[in-house]
Amino acid sequence: MSSTELPEKTHREITRFITTHDANVKATFETGLEEKVHWERTNIGCDLFLAYTTRKFPAPLSHDEDLSVLQYVDYHPGGEPAWHRTVTLDFGVANEGELELELESGEKRLIKAGDVAVQKGTNHSWRNPSKTVFARALYFAMNASPVIVNGEPLEESLGVVE
């Protein structure tokens, strides 16, 4: 389904609020990042909003120098699955609609609103099985060491079924 044929999104708009400290060590809200979010339309069957990233783990909170990732993804109805593996520990929560999680073994699970998936460096794909309704998920990814299988590290892989 092309982006011009997509139905209208009915998801509630997302606003992010990030806290920090001012020069007087008082808690304050971050003003360097917009609170209203802007979604990036992709050609892989989903829209992305990167809510937050950190640069190191554990996250150093001093000087706002914090590499974890918090990201919303809106999956297009009928979109094609995008195969990938990241060297991260990922927690995915379905917020709206349903998503199909498929592993390279061919195993699949239907993830419904409120369900949680924990990805531990596996090659997988996400797909919205609906032909008419967007689905939304929230992902938190933490930097991790590569998975070692039979003595070989599994590297990051984007768009490939192995």
Protein backbone atom coordinates (compact mmCIF):
# COMPACT_ATOMS: atom_id res chain seq x y z
CA MET A 1 0.00 0.00 0.00
CA SER A 2 1.52 3.36 -1.00
CA SER A 3 1.60 6.28 1.43
CA THR A 4 -0.99 8.10 -0.70
CA GLU A 5 -3.41 5.16 -0.23
CA LEU A 6 -3.03 4.95 3.55
CA PRO A 7 -6.07 5.57 5.74
CA GLU A 8 -6.00 8.49 8.14
CA LYS A 9 -4.24 7.85 11.45
CA THR A 10 -6.53 8.00 14.44
CA HIS A 11 -3.86 7.63 17.13
CA ARG A 12 -3.64 10.30 19.78
CA GLU A 13 -0.79 12.75 19.21
CA ILE A 14 2.29 12.16 21.39
CA THR A 15 3.97 14.82 23.52
CA ARG A 16 7.28 14.18 25.28
CA PHE A 17 8.46 15.83 28.47
CA ILE A 18 12.16 15.53 29.37
CA THR A 19 13.56 16.72 32.68
CA THR A 20 17.04 18.10 33.40
CA HIS A 21 18.80 20.46 35.82
CA ASP A 22 19.56 24.14 35.45
CA ALA A 23 22.82 25.85 36.50
CA ASN A 24 21.39 26.29 40.02
CA VAL A 25 20.81 22.51 40.33
CA LYS A 26 17.06 22.95 40.23
CA ALA A 27 14.95 20.42 38.34
CA THR A 28 13.57 21.90 35.15
CA PHE A 29 12.15 20.78 31.83
CA GLU A 30 14.47 20.43 28.82
CA THR A 31 13.92 23.29 26.38
CA GLY A 32 16.39 22.22 23.68
CA LEU A 33 14.05 19.52 22.30
CA GLU A 34 10.52 20.14 21.13
CA GLU A 35 7.73 18.66 23.21
CA LYS A 36 5.49 18.14 20.18
CA VAL A 37 6.70 15.18 18.16
CA HIS A 38 7.39 14.93 14.44
CA TRP A 39 6.95 11.57 12.72
CA GLU A 40 9.21 10.37 9.91
CA ARG A 41 7.38 8.54 7.12
CA THR A 42 9.46 5.61 5.85
CA ASN A 43 9.26 3.32 2.86
CA ILE A 44 9.41 0.18 5.05
CA GLY A 45 5.79 0.18 6.18
CA CYS A 46 6.00 2.32 9.31
CA ASP A 47 6.34 5.87 10.62
CA LEU A 48 8.98 6.56 13.28
CA PHE A 49 9.34 9.00 16.13
CA LEU A 50 12.60 8.84 18.06
CA ALA A 51 11.50 9.97 21.49
CA TYR A 52 14.93 9.90 23.14
CA THR A 53 18.44 8.50 22.87
CA THR A 54 21.38 8.31 25.21
CA ARG A 55 25.03 8.10 24.17
CA LYS A 56 26.49 5.73 26.80
CA PHE A 57 25.49 2.91 29.10
CA PRO A 58 25.09 3.13 31.94
CA ALA A 59 23.58 6.47 31.07
CA PRO A 60 25.60 9.33 32.57
CA LEU A 61 23.04 11.86 33.72
CA SER A 62 25.48 14.71 34.38
CA HIS A 63 25.56 17.47 31.78
CA ASP A 64 22.67 15.78 29.91
CA GLU A 65 25.27 13.37 28.49
CA ASP A 66 23.25 10.34 28.45
CA LEU A 67 22.94 5.11 24.26
CA SER A 68 19.61 3.94 25.07
CA VAL A 69 16.77 4.58 22.65
CA LEU A 70 13.08 5.24 23.23
CA GLN A 71 11.12 5.18 20.00
CA TYR A 72 7.50 5.09 18.85
CA VAL A 73 6.68 3.28 15.61
CA ASP A 74 3.38 3.53 13.71
CA TYR A 75 3.00 0.52 11.39
CA HIS A 76 1.16 1.08 8.14
CA PRO A 77 -1.80 -1.19 7.39
CA GLY A 78 -0.66 -4.00 5.08
CA GLY A 79 3.00 -2.91 5.26
CA GLU A 80 5.73 -5.38 4.37
CA PRO A 81 7.87 -6.77 7.20
CA ALA A 82 11.35 -5.30 7.64
CA TRP A 83 13.86 -7.95 8.79
CA HIS A 84 16.59 -6.78 11.16
CA ARG A 85 18.79 -7.58 14.16
CA THR A 86 20.31 -4.98 16.43
CA VAL A 87 22.98 -5.40 19.09
CA THR A 88 20.60 -4.14 21.75
CA LEU A 89 18.23 -5.49 24.38
CA ASP A 90 14.82 -4.27 23.20
CA PHE A 91 11.53 -4.00 25.05
CA GLY A 92 8.53 -3.47 22.76
CA VAL A 93 5.04 -2.62 23.97
CA ALA A 94 2.09 -2.67 21.58
CA ASN A 95 -0.01 0.42 22.27
CA GLU A 96 -2.73 0.29 19.63
CA GLY A 97 -3.82 -2.31 17.10
CA GLU A 98 -2.02 -5.63 16.65
CA LEU A 99 1.44 -6.58 15.40
CA GLU A 100 2.88 -9.83 14.13
CA LEU A 101 6.38 -10.61 15.42
CA GLU A 102 8.17 -13.18 13.24
CA LEU A 103 11.54 -14.80 13.95
CA GLU A 104 13.88 -16.19 11.29
CA SER A 105 12.85 -19.69 12.45
CA GLY A 106 9.39 -18.95 11.03
CA GLU A 107 7.81 -18.76 14.49
CA LYS A 108 5.24 -15.97 14.85
CA ARG A 109 3.36 -14.32 17.70
CA LEU A 110 0.45 -11.88 17.55
CA ILE A 111 1.23 -8.96 19.86
CA LYS A 112 -1.91 -7.14 21.03
CA ALA A 113 -2.30 -3.76 22.76
CA GLY A 114 -0.60 -3.96 26.16
CA ASP A 115 1.52 -7.02 25.29
CA VAL A 116 5.30 -6.84 25.71
CA ALA A 117 8.02 -8.43 23.55
CA VAL A 118 11.63 -8.68 24.70
CA GLN A 119 14.14 -8.92 21.83
CA LYS A 120 17.56 -10.28 22.78
CA GLY A 121 19.56 -9.73 19.59
CA THR A 122 17.41 -12.02 17.41
CA ASN A 123 16.81 -11.57 13.68
CA HIS A 124 13.13 -10.65 13.43
CA SER A 125 10.47 -8.62 11.66
CA TRP A 126 7.39 -6.69 12.71
CA ARG A 127 4.28 -6.47 10.52
CA ASN A 128 0.85 -4.92 10.94
CA PRO A 129 -1.59 -7.65 9.82
CA SER A 130 -4.49 -5.21 9.45
CA LYS A 131 -5.34 -4.02 5.95
CA THR A 132 -7.16 -0.90 7.21
CA VAL A 133 -5.91 0.28 10.63
CA PHE A 134 -2.54 1.64 11.79
CA ALA A 135 -0.81 -0.07 14.73
CA ARG A 136 1.47 1.66 17.23
CA ALA A 137 4.28 0.34 19.44
CA LEU A 138 6.77 1.86 21.85
CA TYR A 139 10.32 0.44 21.97
CA PHE A 140 13.06 0.92 24.51
CA ALA A 141 16.47 -0.34 23.33
CA MET A 142 19.52 -0.62 25.56
CA ASN A 143 23.02 -1.01 24.20
CA ALA A 144 24.28 -4.59 24.70
CA SER A 145 27.17 -6.89 23.93
CA PRO A 146 26.71 -9.01 20.77
CA VAL A 147 25.05 -12.41 21.16
CA ILE A 148 27.60 -15.23 20.81
CA VAL A 149 26.36 -18.42 19.09
CA ASN A 150 28.79 -21.30 18.52
CA GLY A 151 31.65 -18.96 19.34
CA GLU A 152 30.65 -16.37 16.70
CA PRO A 153 29.25 -12.92 17.53
CA LEU A 154 26.00 -12.02 15.75
CA GLU A 155 26.44 -8.61 14.18
CA GLU A 156 23.77 -6.02 13.45
CA SER A 157 21.76 -6.88 10.35
CA LEU A 158 19.22 -4.66 8.62
CA GLY A 159 16.79 -6.00 6.05
CA VAL A 160 18.09 -9.58 5.80
CA VAL A 161 16.74 -13.01 6.69
CA GLU A 162 19.67 -15.30 7.48
